[in-house]
C-alpha atoms as a PDB file:
ATOM      1  CA  MET A   1       0.000   0.000   0.000  1.00  0.00           C
ATOM      2  CA  THR A   2       2.490   2.566  -1.127  1.00  0.00           C
ATOM      3  CA  GLY A   3       1.300   6.138  -1.383  1.00  0.00           C
ATOM      4  CA  MET A   4      -1.231   5.666   1.399  1.00  0.00           C
ATOM      5  CA  GLU A   5      -2.697   9.011   2.512  1.00  0.00           C
ATOM      6  CA  THR A   6      -4.337  10.009   5.787  1.00  0.00           C
ATOM      7  CA  ILE A   7      -7.583  11.950   5.396  1.00  0.00           C
ATOM      8  CA  THR A   8      -9.047  13.729   8.435  1.00  0.00           C
ATOM      9  CA  TYR A   9     -12.683  14.762   8.495  1.00  0.00           C
ATOM     10  CA  ARG A  10     -14.656  16.594  11.171  1.00  0.00           C
ATOM     11  CA  PRO A  11     -18.176  17.550  10.088  1.00  0.00           C
ATOM     12  CA  ALA A  12     -19.982  20.710  11.071  1.00  0.00           C
ATOM     13  CA  ARG A  13     -23.346  20.032  12.687  1.00  0.00           C
ATOM     14  CA  ASP A  14     -25.225  20.831   9.486  1.00  0.00           C
ATOM     15  CA  GLU A  15     -23.013  18.367   7.576  1.00  0.00           C
ATOM     16  CA  LEU A  16     -24.111  15.314   9.581  1.00  0.00           C
ATOM     17  CA  ALA A  17     -26.135  12.766   7.610  1.00  0.00           C
ATOM     18  CA  TYR A  18     -29.200  10.787   8.682  1.00  0.00           C
ATOM     19  CA  THR A  19     -29.502   8.381   5.754  1.00  0.00           C
ATOM     20  CA  PHE A  20     -27.382   5.906   3.839  1.00  0.00           C
ATOM     21  CA  GLY A  21     -27.887   6.854   0.204  1.00  0.00           C
ATOM     22  CA  GLY A  22     -29.375  10.056  -1.153  1.00  0.00           C
ATOM     23  CA  ARG A  23     -26.395  12.200  -0.136  1.00  0.00           C
ATOM     24  CA  MET A  24     -23.480  13.766  -1.995  1.00  0.00           C
ATOM     25  CA  PRO A  25     -20.005  12.687  -0.834  1.00  0.00           C
ATOM     26  CA  VAL A  26     -18.082  14.863   1.613  1.00  0.00           C
ATOM     27  CA  ALA A  27     -14.662  13.576   0.497  1.00  0.00           C
ATOM     28  CA  HIS A  28     -12.998  11.140  -1.900  1.00  0.00           C
ATOM     29  CA  VAL A  29     -10.899   8.282  -0.520  1.00  0.00           C
ATOM     30  CA  ARG A  30      -8.672   5.854  -2.397  1.00  0.00           C
ATOM     31  CA  SER A  31      -8.249   2.174  -1.656  1.00  0.00           C
ATOM     32  CA  GLY A  32      -5.507   1.898   0.964  1.00  0.00           C
ATOM     33  CA  ASP A  33      -6.043   5.344   2.473  1.00  0.00           C
ATOM     34  CA  VAL A  34      -6.331   5.961   6.208  1.00  0.00           C
ATOM     35  CA  LEU A  35      -9.480   7.825   7.246  1.00  0.00           C
ATOM     36  CA  ARG A  36      -9.628   9.631  10.592  1.00  0.00           C
ATOM     37  CA  VAL A  37     -13.196  10.736  11.318  1.00  0.00           C
ATOM     38  CA  PHE A  38     -14.939  12.586  14.122  1.00  0.00           C
ATOM     39  CA  THR A  39     -18.342  11.006  14.800  1.00  0.00           C
ATOM     40  CA  GLU A  40     -21.088  12.490  16.939  1.00  0.00           C
ATOM     41  CA  ASP A  41     -23.160  10.469  19.410  1.00  0.00           C
ATOM     42  CA  CYS A  42     -26.669   9.289  18.579  1.00  0.00           C
ATOM     43  CA  PHE A  43     -28.161  12.405  20.193  1.00  0.00           C
ATOM     44  CA  GLY A  44     -25.946  14.784  18.252  1.00  0.00           C
ATOM     45  CA  GLY A  45     -24.227  15.816  21.506  1.00  0.00           C
ATOM     46  CA  LEU A  46     -27.408  17.440  22.815  1.00  0.00           C
ATOM     47  CA  VAL A  47     -27.982  15.092  25.783  1.00  0.00           C
ATOM     48  CA  ARG A  48     -25.399  16.044  28.422  1.00  0.00           C
ATOM     49  CA  GLY A  49     -27.131  15.577  31.764  1.00  0.00           C
ATOM     50  CA  PRO A  50     -30.183  14.085  33.554  1.00  0.00           C
ATOM     51  CA  ALA A  51     -32.347  17.106  32.689  1.00  0.00           C
ATOM     52  CA  ASP A  52     -31.630  16.774  28.957  1.00  0.00           C
ATOM     53  CA  LEU A  53     -34.397  14.326  28.126  1.00  0.00           C
ATOM     54  CA  PRO A  54     -34.043  13.350  24.474  1.00  0.00           C
ATOM     55  CA  SER A  55     -37.702  14.139  23.756  1.00  0.00           C
ATOM     56  CA  ARG A  56     -37.026  17.734  24.868  1.00  0.00           C
ATOM     57  CA  VAL A  57     -33.623  18.469  23.358  1.00  0.00           C
ATOM     58  CA  CYS A  58     -33.648  16.308  20.210  1.00  0.00           C
ATOM     59  CA  ARG A  59     -35.854  16.717  17.166  1.00  0.00           C
ATOM     60  CA  MET A  60     -37.178  13.731  15.268  1.00  0.00           C
ATOM     61  CA  PRO A  61     -36.096  12.332  12.902  1.00  0.00           C
ATOM     62  CA  TYR A  62     -32.669  13.890  13.554  1.00  0.00           C
ATOM     63  CA  LEU A  63     -31.253  11.053  15.647  1.00  0.00           C
ATOM     64  CA  ASN A  64     -28.306   8.736  15.013  1.00  0.00           C
ATOM     65  CA  PRO A  65     -26.210  11.032  12.793  1.00  0.00           C
ATOM     66  CA  VAL A  66     -23.326   9.677  10.732  1.00  0.00           C
ATOM     67  CA  SER A  67     -20.240  11.329   9.278  1.00  0.00           C
ATOM     68  CA  GLY A  68     -19.911  11.017   5.517  1.00  0.00           C
ATOM     69  CA  PRO A  69     -20.578   9.664   3.036  1.00  0.00           C
ATOM     70  CA  PHE A  70     -17.096   9.074   1.667  1.00  0.00           C
ATOM     71  CA  PHE A  71     -16.737   8.260  -2.017  1.00  0.00           C
ATOM     72  CA  ILE A  72     -14.349   5.305  -2.335  1.00  0.00           C
ATOM     73  CA  GLU A  73     -12.575   5.541  -5.672  1.00  0.00           C
ATOM     74  CA  ASP A  74     -12.615   2.396  -7.834  1.00  0.00           C
ATOM     75  CA  ALA A  75     -15.443   0.835  -5.768  1.00  0.00           C
ATOM     76  CA  GLU A  76     -18.148  -0.553  -8.042  1.00  0.00           C
ATOM     77  CA  PRO A  77     -21.214  -2.778  -7.570  1.00  0.00           C
ATOM     78  CA  GLY A  78     -20.011  -6.362  -7.242  1.00  0.00           C
ATOM     79  CA  ASP A  79     -16.941  -5.365  -5.216  1.00  0.00           C
ATOM     80  CA  THR A  80     -16.509  -5.628  -1.461  1.00  0.00           C
ATOM     81  CA  LEU A  81     -15.254  -2.873   0.812  1.00  0.00           C
ATOM     82  CA  ALA A  82     -12.863  -3.976   3.576  1.00  0.00           C
ATOM     83  CA  ILE A  83     -12.936  -1.487   6.468  1.00  0.00           C
ATOM     84  CA  HIS A  84     -10.367  -2.094   9.175  1.00  0.00           C
ATOM     85  CA  LEU A  85     -11.133  -0.399  12.500  1.00  0.00           C
ATOM     86  CA  VAL A  86      -7.740   0.827  13.671  1.00  0.00           C
ATOM     87  CA  ALA A  87      -8.839   2.878  16.695  1.00  0.00           C
ATOM     88  CA  ILE A  88     -12.063   4.119  18.290  1.00  0.00           C
ATOM     89  CA  GLU A  89     -11.286   6.858  20.810  1.00  0.00           C
ATOM     90  CA  PRO A  90     -13.861   8.628  22.995  1.00  0.00           C
ATOM     91  CA  ALA A  91     -13.877  12.297  22.030  1.00  0.00           C
ATOM     92  CA  ARG A  92     -15.219  13.435  25.418  1.00  0.00           C
ATOM     93  CA  ASP A  93     -14.796  12.290  29.017  1.00  0.00           C
ATOM     94  CA  TRP A  94     -18.455  11.349  29.359  1.00  0.00           C
ATOM     95  CA  GLY A  95     -21.147   9.278  27.695  1.00  0.00           C
ATOM     96  CA  VAL A  96     -24.891   9.014  28.144  1.00  0.00           C
ATOM     97  CA  SER A  97     -27.627   6.415  27.994  1.00  0.00           C
ATOM     98  CA  SER A  98     -31.382   6.617  28.405  1.00  0.00           C
ATOM     99  CA  THR A  99     -34.721   4.891  28.443  1.00  0.00           C
ATOM    100  CA  PHE A 100     -37.442   6.013  26.041  1.00  0.00           C
ATOM    101  CA  PRO A 101     -41.217   5.657  26.113  1.00  0.00           C
ATOM    102  CA  HIS A 102     -42.234   3.022  23.541  1.00  0.00           C
ATOM    103  CA  PHE A 103     -38.656   2.030  22.631  1.00  0.00           C
ATOM    104  CA  GLY A 104     -36.501  -0.879  23.739  1.00  0.00           C
ATOM    105  CA  ALA A 105     -36.830  -4.624  24.193  1.00  0.00           C
ATOM    106  CA  LEU A 106     -38.859  -4.518  27.418  1.00  0.00           C
ATOM    107  CA  THR A 107     -41.634  -2.043  26.705  1.00  0.00           C
ATOM    108  CA  SER A 108     -44.644  -1.607  24.491  1.00  0.00           C
ATOM    109  CA  THR A 109     -43.647  -0.450  20.988  1.00  0.00           C
ATOM    110  CA  SER A 110     -45.432   0.293  17.730  1.00  0.00           C
ATOM    111  CA  HIS A 111     -44.564  -3.254  16.588  1.00  0.00           C
ATOM    112  CA  THR A 112     -45.503  -4.881  19.909  1.00  0.00           C
ATOM    113  CA  ALA A 113     -48.519  -2.862  20.929  1.00  0.00           C
ATOM    114  CA  THR A 114     -49.912  -3.338  24.451  1.00  0.00           C
ATOM    115  CA  LEU A 115     -52.000  -1.359  26.917  1.00  0.00           C
ATOM    116  CA  GLN A 116     -49.199  -1.001  29.476  1.00  0.00           C
ATOM    117  CA  PRO A 117     -48.016   2.518  30.341  1.00  0.00           C
ATOM    118  CA  PRO A 118     -44.929   3.747  28.463  1.00  0.00           C
ATOM    119  CA  LEU A 119     -41.548   3.614  30.162  1.00  0.00           C
ATOM    120  CA  GLU A 120     -40.365   6.667  32.039  1.00  0.00           C
ATOM    121  CA  GLU A 121     -37.838   8.691  30.067  1.00  0.00           C
ATOM    122  CA  ARG A 122     -34.602   8.878  32.048  1.00  0.00           C
ATOM    123  CA  VAL A 123     -30.941   9.742  31.367  1.00  0.00           C
ATOM    124  CA  TRP A 124     -27.797   8.190  32.841  1.00  0.00           C
ATOM    125  CA  VAL A 125     -24.424   9.950  32.590  1.00  0.00           C
ATOM    126  CA  TYR A 126     -21.242   7.855  32.586  1.00  0.00           C
ATOM    127  CA  ASP A 127     -17.816   9.270  33.447  1.00  0.00           C
ATOM    128  CA  ILE A 128     -15.075   7.878  31.190  1.00  0.00           C
ATOM    129  CA  ASP A 129     -11.620   7.213  32.634  1.00  0.00           C
ATOM    130  CA  ARG A 130      -9.395   6.553  29.630  1.00  0.00           C
ATOM    131  CA  GLN A 131      -6.302   5.896  31.724  1.00  0.00           C
ATOM    132  CA  ALA A 132      -8.045   3.269  33.864  1.00  0.00           C
ATOM    133  CA  GLY A 133      -9.988   1.931  30.875  1.00  0.00           C
ATOM    134  CA  THR A 134     -13.317   2.154  32.688  1.00  0.00           C
ATOM    135  CA  ILE A 135     -16.673   3.889  32.655  1.00  0.00           C
ATOM    136  CA  ARG A 136     -18.720   4.452  35.791  1.00  0.00           C
ATOM    137  CA  PHE A 137     -22.380   3.415  36.094  1.00  0.00           C
ATOM    138  CA  ARG A 138     -24.313   5.367  38.722  1.00  0.00           C
ATOM    139  CA  ALA A 139     -27.822   4.286  39.661  1.00  0.00           C
ATOM    140  CA  THR A 140     -30.413   7.059  39.594  1.00  0.00           C
ATOM    141  CA  GLY A 141     -32.653   5.549  42.314  1.00  0.00           C
ATOM    142  CA  SER A 142     -29.955   4.663  44.868  1.00  0.00           C
ATOM    143  CA  ASP A 143     -26.291   5.295  45.677  1.00  0.00           C
ATOM    144  CA  HIS A 144     -25.020   2.191  43.856  1.00  0.00           C
ATOM    145  CA  SER A 145     -22.164   2.693  41.410  1.00  0.00           C
ATOM    146  CA  VAL A 146     -19.794   0.338  39.638  1.00  0.00           C
ATOM    147  CA  ASP A 147     -16.970   0.624  37.127  1.00  0.00           C
ATOM    148  CA  LEU A 148     -17.402  -1.218  33.825  1.00  0.00           C
ATOM    149  CA  PRO A 149     -14.695  -1.906  31.233  1.00  0.00           C
ATOM    150  CA  LEU A 150     -14.339   0.731  28.524  1.00  0.00           C
ATOM    151  CA  ASP A 151     -14.911  -1.164  25.261  1.00  0.00           C
ATOM    152  CA  PRO A 152     -15.469   1.377  22.458  1.00  0.00           C
ATOM    153  CA  MET A 153     -17.367   0.306  19.347  1.00  0.00           C
ATOM    154  CA  ILE A 154     -18.998   1.863  16.301  1.00  0.00           C
ATOM    155  CA  GLY A 155     -22.739   1.259  16.333  1.00  0.00           C
ATOM    156  CA  THR A 156     -23.578   2.467  12.830  1.00  0.00           C
ATOM    157  CA  ILE A 157     -21.462   1.967   9.714  1.00  0.00           C
ATOM    158  CA  GLY A 158     -22.567   1.212   6.193  1.00  0.00           C
ATOM    159  CA  VAL A 159     -22.637   1.989   2.505  1.00  0.00           C
ATOM    160  CA  ALA A 160     -25.398   3.250   0.239  1.00  0.00           C
ATOM    161  CA  PRO A 161     -28.046   0.611  -0.534  1.00  0.00           C
ATOM    162  CA  GLY A 162     -28.781  -0.344  -4.118  1.00  0.00           C
ATOM    163  CA  GLY A 163     -31.854   0.404  -6.198  1.00  0.00           C
ATOM    164  CA  PHE A 164     -31.699   4.202  -5.644  1.00  0.00           C
ATOM    165  CA  GLU A 165     -32.775   3.690  -2.017  1.00  0.00           C
ATOM    166  CA  ALA A 166     -32.029   5.990   0.906  1.00  0.00           C
ATOM    167  CA  ARG A 167     -32.302   4.223   4.267  1.00  0.00           C
ATOM    168  CA  SER A 168     -32.545   5.821   7.694  1.00  0.00           C
ATOM    169  CA  THR A 169     -29.368   5.470   9.745  1.00  0.00           C
ATOM    170  CA  ILE A 170     -31.447   3.787  12.457  1.00  0.00           C
ATOM    171  CA  VAL A 171     -32.069   0.751  10.208  1.00  0.00           C
ATOM    172  CA  PRO A 172     -29.603  -2.168   9.918  1.00  0.00           C
ATOM    173  CA  ASP A 173     -29.767  -4.281   6.750  1.00  0.00           C
ATOM    174  CA  SER A 174     -27.574  -5.840   4.076  1.00  0.00           C
ATOM    175  CA  HIS A 175     -25.864  -2.473   3.439  1.00  0.00           C
ATOM    176  CA  GLY A 176     -24.739  -2.320   7.094  1.00  0.00           C
ATOM    177  CA  GLY A 177     -26.251   0.600   8.973  1.00  0.00           C
ATOM    178  CA  ASN A 178     -27.198   0.495  12.642  1.00  0.00           C
ATOM    179  CA  LEU A 179     -25.691  -2.928  13.370  1.00  0.00           C
ATOM    180  CA  ASP A 180     -25.113  -2.131  17.070  1.00  0.00           C
ATOM    181  CA  SER A 181     -22.727  -5.035  17.663  1.00  0.00           C
ATOM    182  CA  PRO A 182     -19.948  -4.863  20.285  1.00  0.00           C
ATOM    183  CA  GLU A 183     -17.875  -6.912  17.825  1.00  0.00           C
ATOM    184  CA  LEU A 184     -17.358  -3.685  15.814  1.00  0.00           C
ATOM    185  CA  ARG A 185     -14.414  -2.702  17.990  1.00  0.00           C
ATOM    186  CA  ALA A 186     -10.840  -1.726  17.113  1.00  0.00           C
ATOM    187  CA  GLY A 187      -8.935  -4.590  15.501  1.00  0.00           C
ATOM    188  CA  ALA A 188     -11.879  -5.932  13.502  1.00  0.00           C
ATOM    189  CA  THR A 189     -12.269  -5.773   9.740  1.00  0.00           C
ATOM    190  CA  LEU A 190     -15.781  -5.231   8.392  1.00  0.00           C
ATOM    191  CA  TYR A 191     -16.672  -6.416   4.876  1.00  0.00           C
ATOM    192  CA  LEU A 192     -19.547  -4.664   3.082  1.00  0.00           C
ATOM    193  CA  GLY A 193     -20.792  -5.381  -0.412  1.00  0.00           C
ATOM    194  CA  VAL A 194     -20.704  -2.354  -2.726  1.00  0.00           C
ATOM    195  CA  ASN A 195     -24.086  -1.410  -4.215  1.00  0.00           C
ATOM    196  CA  VAL A 196     -23.368   1.904  -5.980  1.00  0.00           C
ATOM    197  CA  HIS A 197     -20.466   3.600  -7.727  1.00  0.00           C
ATOM    198  CA  GLY A 198     -18.118   4.855  -5.000  1.00  0.00           C
ATOM    199  CA  ALA A 199     -19.767   2.757  -2.226  1.00  0.00           C
ATOM    200  CA  MET A 200     -20.572   5.940  -0.203  1.00  0.00           C
ATOM    201  CA  LEU A 201     -19.308   4.852   3.218  1.00  0.00           C
ATOM    202  CA  ALA A 202     -20.559   6.613   6.379  1.00  0.00           C
ATOM    203  CA  LEU A 203     -20.247   5.927  10.111  1.00  0.00           C
ATOM    204  CA  GLY A 204     -21.267   7.200  13.538  1.00  0.00           C
ATOM    205  CA  ASP A 205     -23.109   6.233  16.738  1.00  0.00           C
ATOM    206  CA  GLY A 206     -20.102   5.336  18.904  1.00  0.00           C
ATOM    207  CA  HIS A 207     -20.634   3.487  22.178  1.00  0.00           C
ATOM    208  CA  ALA A 208     -18.240   3.415  25.141  1.00  0.00           C
ATOM    209  CA  ARG A 209     -19.622  -0.049  25.660  1.00  0.00           C
ATOM    210  CA  GLN A 210     -22.858  -1.965  25.063  1.00  0.00           C
ATOM    211  CA  GLY A 211     -24.256  -5.237  26.317  1.00  0.00           C
ATOM    212  CA  GLU A 212     -25.220  -7.808  23.699  1.00  0.00           C
ATOM    213  CA  GLY A 213     -28.755  -7.114  22.514  1.00  0.00           C
ATOM    214  CA  GLU A 214     -28.708  -3.446  23.604  1.00  0.00           C
ATOM    215  CA  ALA A 215     -31.812  -4.286  25.640  1.00  0.00           C
ATOM    216  CA  CYS A 216     -32.938  -0.735  26.507  1.00  0.00           C
ATOM    217  CA  GLY A 217     -32.176   0.384  22.946  1.00  0.00           C
ATOM    218  CA  VAL A 218     -29.401   2.803  23.924  1.00  0.00           C
ATOM    219  CA  GLY A 219     -25.725   1.990  24.535  1.00  0.00           C
ATOM    220  CA  VAL A 220     -23.352   4.266  26.432  1.00  0.00           C
ATOM    221  CA  GLU A 221     -23.437   6.832  23.636  1.00  0.00           C
ATOM    222  CA  ILE A 222     -20.267   8.761  22.841  1.00  0.00           C
ATOM    223  CA  ALA A 223     -18.692  10.984  20.249  1.00  0.00           C
ATOM    224  CA  THR A 224     -15.539   9.391  18.844  1.00  0.00           C
ATOM    225  CA  THR A 225     -12.461   9.940  16.806  1.00  0.00           C
ATOM    226  CA  THR A 226     -12.349   6.774  14.698  1.00  0.00           C
ATOM    227  CA  THR A 227      -9.462   5.710  12.486  1.00  0.00           C
ATOM    228  CA  LEU A 228     -10.088   3.338   9.558  1.00  0.00           C
ATOM    229  CA  ILE A 229      -8.091   1.796   6.747  1.00  0.00           C
ATOM    230  CA  ILE A 230     -10.133   1.055   3.633  1.00  0.00           C
ATOM    231  CA  GLU A 231      -9.406  -1.341   0.804  1.00  0.00           C
ATOM    232  CA  VAL A 232     -11.508  -2.212  -2.247  1.00  0.00           C
ATOM    233  CA  ILE A 233     -11.643  -5.937  -3.042  1.00  0.00           C
ATOM    234  CA  LYS A 234     -12.456  -6.128  -6.737  1.00  0.00           C
ATOM    235  CA  GLY A 235     -14.957  -8.659  -8.037  1.00  0.00           C
ATOM    236  CA  ALA A 236     -15.703 -10.196  -4.647  1.00  0.00           C
ATOM    237  CA  GLY A 237     -19.318  -9.525  -3.793  1.00  0.00           C
ATOM    238  CA  SER A 238     -20.741  -9.876  -0.275  1.00  0.00           C
ATOM    239  CA  VAL A 239     -24.501 -10.138   0.153  1.00  0.00           C
ATOM    240  CA  TRP A 240     -24.520  -9.559   3.932  1.00  0.00           C
ATOM    241  CA  PRO A 241     -22.016  -7.771   6.175  1.00  0.00           C
ATOM    242  CA  ARG A 242     -19.150  -9.924   7.401  1.00  0.00           C
ATOM    243  CA  LEU A 243     -16.509  -9.406  10.073  1.00  0.00           C
ATOM    244  CA  GLU A 244     -13.066 -10.823  10.652  1.00  0.00           C
ATOM    245  CA  THR A 245     -10.874 -10.599  13.735  1.00  0.00           C
ATOM    246  CA  ASP A 246      -7.553 -12.229  14.477  1.00  0.00           C
ATOM    247  CA  ARG A 247      -9.491 -15.141  15.969  1.00  0.00           C
ATOM    248  CA  GLU A 248     -12.861 -15.441  14.211  1.00  0.00           C
ATOM    249  CA  ILE A 249     -14.854 -14.958  11.050  1.00  0.00           C
ATOM    250  CA  MET A 250     -18.420 -13.711  11.505  1.00  0.00           C
ATOM    251  CA  SER A 251     -21.496 -13.170   9.377  1.00  0.00           C
ATOM    252  CA  VAL A 252     -24.193 -10.607  10.173  1.00  0.00           C
ATOM    253  CA  GLY A 253     -27.935 -11.038   9.669  1.00  0.00           C
ATOM    254  CA  CYS A 254     -30.505  -8.239   9.994  1.00  0.00           C
ATOM    255  CA  ALA A 255     -34.251  -8.902   9.970  1.00  0.00           C
ATOM    256  CA  ARG A 256     -37.440  -9.196  11.969  1.00  0.00           C
ATOM    257  CA  PRO A 257     -38.305 -11.560  13.591  1.00  0.00           C
ATOM    258  CA  LEU A 258     -35.111 -12.352  15.490  1.00  0.00           C
ATOM    259  CA  GLU A 259     -34.967 -15.932  14.250  1.00  0.00           C
ATOM    260  CA  ASP A 260     -34.781 -14.740  10.643  1.00  0.00           C
ATOM    261  CA  ALA A 261     -31.773 -12.554  11.486  1.00  0.00           C
ATOM    262  CA  TYR A 262     -30.252 -15.628  13.149  1.00  0.00           C
ATOM    263  CA  ARG A 263     -30.946 -17.778  10.080  1.00  0.00           C
ATOM    264  CA  ILE A 264     -29.417 -15.224   7.697  1.00  0.00           C
ATOM    265  CA  ALA A 265     -26.204 -15.027   9.743  1.00  0.00           C
ATOM    266  CA  GLN A 266     -25.911 -18.787  10.185  1.00  0.00           C
ATOM    267  CA  ARG A 267     -26.621 -19.517   6.516  1.00  0.00           C
ATOM    268  CA  ASP A 268     -24.019 -17.022   5.376  1.00  0.00           C
ATOM    269  CA  LEU A 269     -21.389 -18.319   7.802  1.00  0.00           C
ATOM    270  CA  VAL A 270     -21.966 -21.940   6.791  1.00  0.00           C
ATOM    271  CA  GLY A 271     -21.555 -21.030   3.119  1.00  0.00           C
ATOM    272  CA  TRP A 272     -18.520 -18.848   3.815  1.00  0.00           C
ATOM    273  CA  THR A 273     -16.876 -21.580   5.914  1.00  0.00           C
ATOM    274  CA  SER A 274     -17.473 -24.152   3.175  1.00  0.00           C
ATOM    275  CA  ALA A 275     -16.065 -21.843   0.489  1.00  0.00           C
ATOM    276  CA  LEU A 276     -12.931 -20.991   2.509  1.00  0.00           C
ATOM    277  CA  THR A 277     -12.087 -24.532   3.602  1.00  0.00           C
ATOM    278  CA  GLY A 278     -13.479 -26.850   0.939  1.00  0.00           C
ATOM    279  CA  LEU A 279     -15.615 -28.582   3.555  1.00  0.00           C
ATOM    280  CA  ASP A 280     -18.814 -30.195   2.332  1.00  0.00           C
ATOM    281  CA  GLU A 281     -21.620 -27.774   3.146  1.00  0.00           C
ATOM    282  CA  LEU A 282     -23.329 -30.138   5.586  1.00  0.00           C
ATOM    283  CA  ASP A 283     -19.993 -30.769   7.310  1.00  0.00           C
ATOM    284  CA  ALA A 284     -19.551 -27.014   7.603  1.00  0.00           C
ATOM    285  CA  TYR A 285     -23.115 -26.775   8.958  1.00  0.00           C
ATOM    286  CA  GLN A 286     -22.350 -29.404  11.574  1.00  0.00           C
ATOM    287  CA  LEU A 287     -19.075 -27.778  12.639  1.00  0.00           C
ATOM    288  CA  VAL A 288     -20.604 -24.309  12.926  1.00  0.00           C
ATOM    289  CA  SER A 289     -23.545 -25.793  14.837  1.00  0.00           C
ATOM    290  CA  GLN A 290     -21.283 -27.302  17.478  1.00  0.00           C
ATOM    291  CA  ALA A 291     -18.459 -24.755  17.654  1.00  0.00           C
ATOM    292  CA  GLY A 292     -20.045 -21.438  16.698  1.00  0.00           C
ATOM    293  CA  ARG A 293     -21.226 -18.428  18.648  1.00  0.00           C
ATOM    294  CA  ALA A 294     -24.317 -16.307  17.976  1.00  0.00           C
ATOM    295  CA  PRO A 295     -23.785 -12.891  19.611  1.00  0.00           C
ATOM    296  CA  ILE A 296     -26.820 -10.609  19.389  1.00  0.00           C
ATOM    297  CA  GLY A 297     -26.325  -7.046  18.207  1.00  0.00           C
ATOM    298  CA  ASN A 298     -29.658  -5.362  18.883  1.00  0.00           C
ATOM    299  CA  VAL A 299     -33.270  -6.350  19.513  1.00  0.00           C
ATOM    300  CA  CYS A 300     -34.711  -2.828  19.343  1.00  0.00           C
ATOM    301  CA  ASP A 301     -34.195  -1.296  15.909  1.00  0.00           C
ATOM    302  CA  PRO A 302     -36.506  -1.580  12.883  1.00  0.00           C
ATOM    303  CA  ASN A 303     -34.483  -4.723  12.068  1.00  0.00           C
ATOM    304  CA  TYR A 304     -32.763  -6.899  14.653  1.00  0.00           C
ATOM    305  CA  THR A 305     -29.100  -7.888  14.325  1.00  0.00           C
ATOM    306  CA  VAL A 306     -27.575 -11.306  15.047  1.00  0.00           C
ATOM    307  CA  LEU A 307     -24.048 -12.504  14.271  1.00  0.00           C
ATOM    308  CA  ALA A 308     -22.727 -15.990  13.617  1.00  0.00           C
ATOM    309  CA  ALA A 309     -19.070 -16.559  14.546  1.00  0.00           C
ATOM    310  CA  VAL A 310     -16.598 -19.425  14.386  1.00  0.00           C
ATOM    311  CA  ASP A 311     -12.994 -19.692  15.572  1.00  0.00           C
ATOM    312  CA  LYS A 312     -10.621 -19.816  12.596  1.00  0.00           C
ATOM    313  CA  THR A 313      -8.303 -22.292  14.379  1.00  0.00           C
ATOM    314  CA  LEU A 314     -11.076 -24.905  14.287  1.00  0.00           C
ATOM    315  CA  LEU A 315     -11.290 -24.809  10.498  1.00  0.00           C
ATOM    316  CA  PRO A 316      -9.205 -27.112   8.298  1.00  0.00           C
ATOM    317  CA  ALA A 317      -6.410 -25.058   6.678  1.00  0.00           C
ATOM    318  CA  PRO A 318      -8.758 -22.264   5.624  1.00  0.00           C
ATOM    319  CA  THR A 319      -8.053 -20.088   2.631  1.00  0.00           C
ATOM    320  CA  ALA A 320      -7.453 -16.540   3.870  1.00  0.00           C
ATOM    321  CA  ALA A 321     -10.707 -14.594   3.604  1.00  0.00           C
ATOM    322  CA  TYR A 322     -10.737 -12.074   0.737  1.00  0.00           C
ATOM    323  CA  GLY A 323      -7.105 -12.760  -0.101  1.00  0.00           C
ATOM    324  CA  GLY A 324      -5.794 -12.151   3.424  1.00  0.00           C
ATOM    325  CA  VAL A 325      -6.881  -8.522   3.588  1.00  0.00           C
ATOM    326  CA  HIS A 326      -7.493  -8.583   7.371  1.00  0.00           C
ATOM    327  CA  ALA A 327      -3.910  -9.586   8.188  1.00  0.00           C
ATOM    328  CA  ARG A 328      -2.578  -7.087   5.675  1.00  0.00           C
ATOM    329  CA  LEU A 329      -4.603  -4.217   7.111  1.00  0.00           C
ATOM    330  CA  ARG A 330      -3.710  -5.231  10.678  1.00  0.00           C
ATOM    331  CA  GLN A 331      -0.053  -4.964   9.736  1.00  0.00           C
ATOM    332  CA  HIS A 332      -0.565  -1.481   8.300  1.00  0.00           C
ATOM    333  CA  ALA A 333      -2.557  -0.474  11.367  1.00  0.00           C
ATOM    334  CA  ALA A 334       0.339  -1.506  13.621  1.00  0.00           C
ATOM    335  CA  GLY A 335       2.579   0.826  11.654  1.00  0.00           C
ATOM    336  CA  LEU A 336       0.303   3.777  12.414  1.00  0.00           C
ATOM    337  CA  ARG A 337       0.772   3.532  16.167  1.00  0.00           C
END
């Protein structure tokens, strides 16, 4: 990757985007470039304390902003974009979470309509200690507090969908979007199929940490400075998002109901495992069934997100995924530190 450039982008508030697709690019990036991006939190930085209830300080539908989109030169439909997450750094020393009326896994929603009263809207503020690598939970109804590990992730990252569509940033689907998976942490490589000329990559919605499932619908929301390395893999299409870490390969499924998201992820991982290793598909199915993981991303958004993961050391002499791009980008990332 000779001639690799570093591109830094910090959007003004009126430059934040709320859709994937339907936007002009904010910058052009070449395959192999390093992209350093400021991302705002899901509330646009407007929720800063317990009195800042989102319903009062935020305006619908201006939630979950992303930075971008970035036009990736030489990316065409039928290609795959490899996005290596080099670093995800909290941009402030605090993060926030909340409960919403009619939003989350444990309340009445428009899709699960009941007669129960809506949840109380409440805000929690977390102090971030970068040096200690912790965030502090403080209960609002008692004096209980506890430190939790700081585990930054990007909640929303995707490309423009195909078919001239523009999708809300709150929606996860085959183009990526609001995947809300803790697996999207530094060190992982995300693979997204390209649907339009230039791919039109955008990202935002950082979390200081998030439990699997994001039960209340809101992680510990933070602004970030996120560093990425991007590479275009020509002629290698990907139908659903995929992830690779040093240890695992993972497929991502997004759908409602939850079992359909699970099926999508499992089906893709079984096929991917078979293609990489030469295993008979039913043998791959059996191995993934007994050795795989199924971490849940979210169970709150318009689509739910489930991952299917398998340890690469359990696979028979696998072919390196996408020509070994993860290891190559990891090596370049190490050189940036």
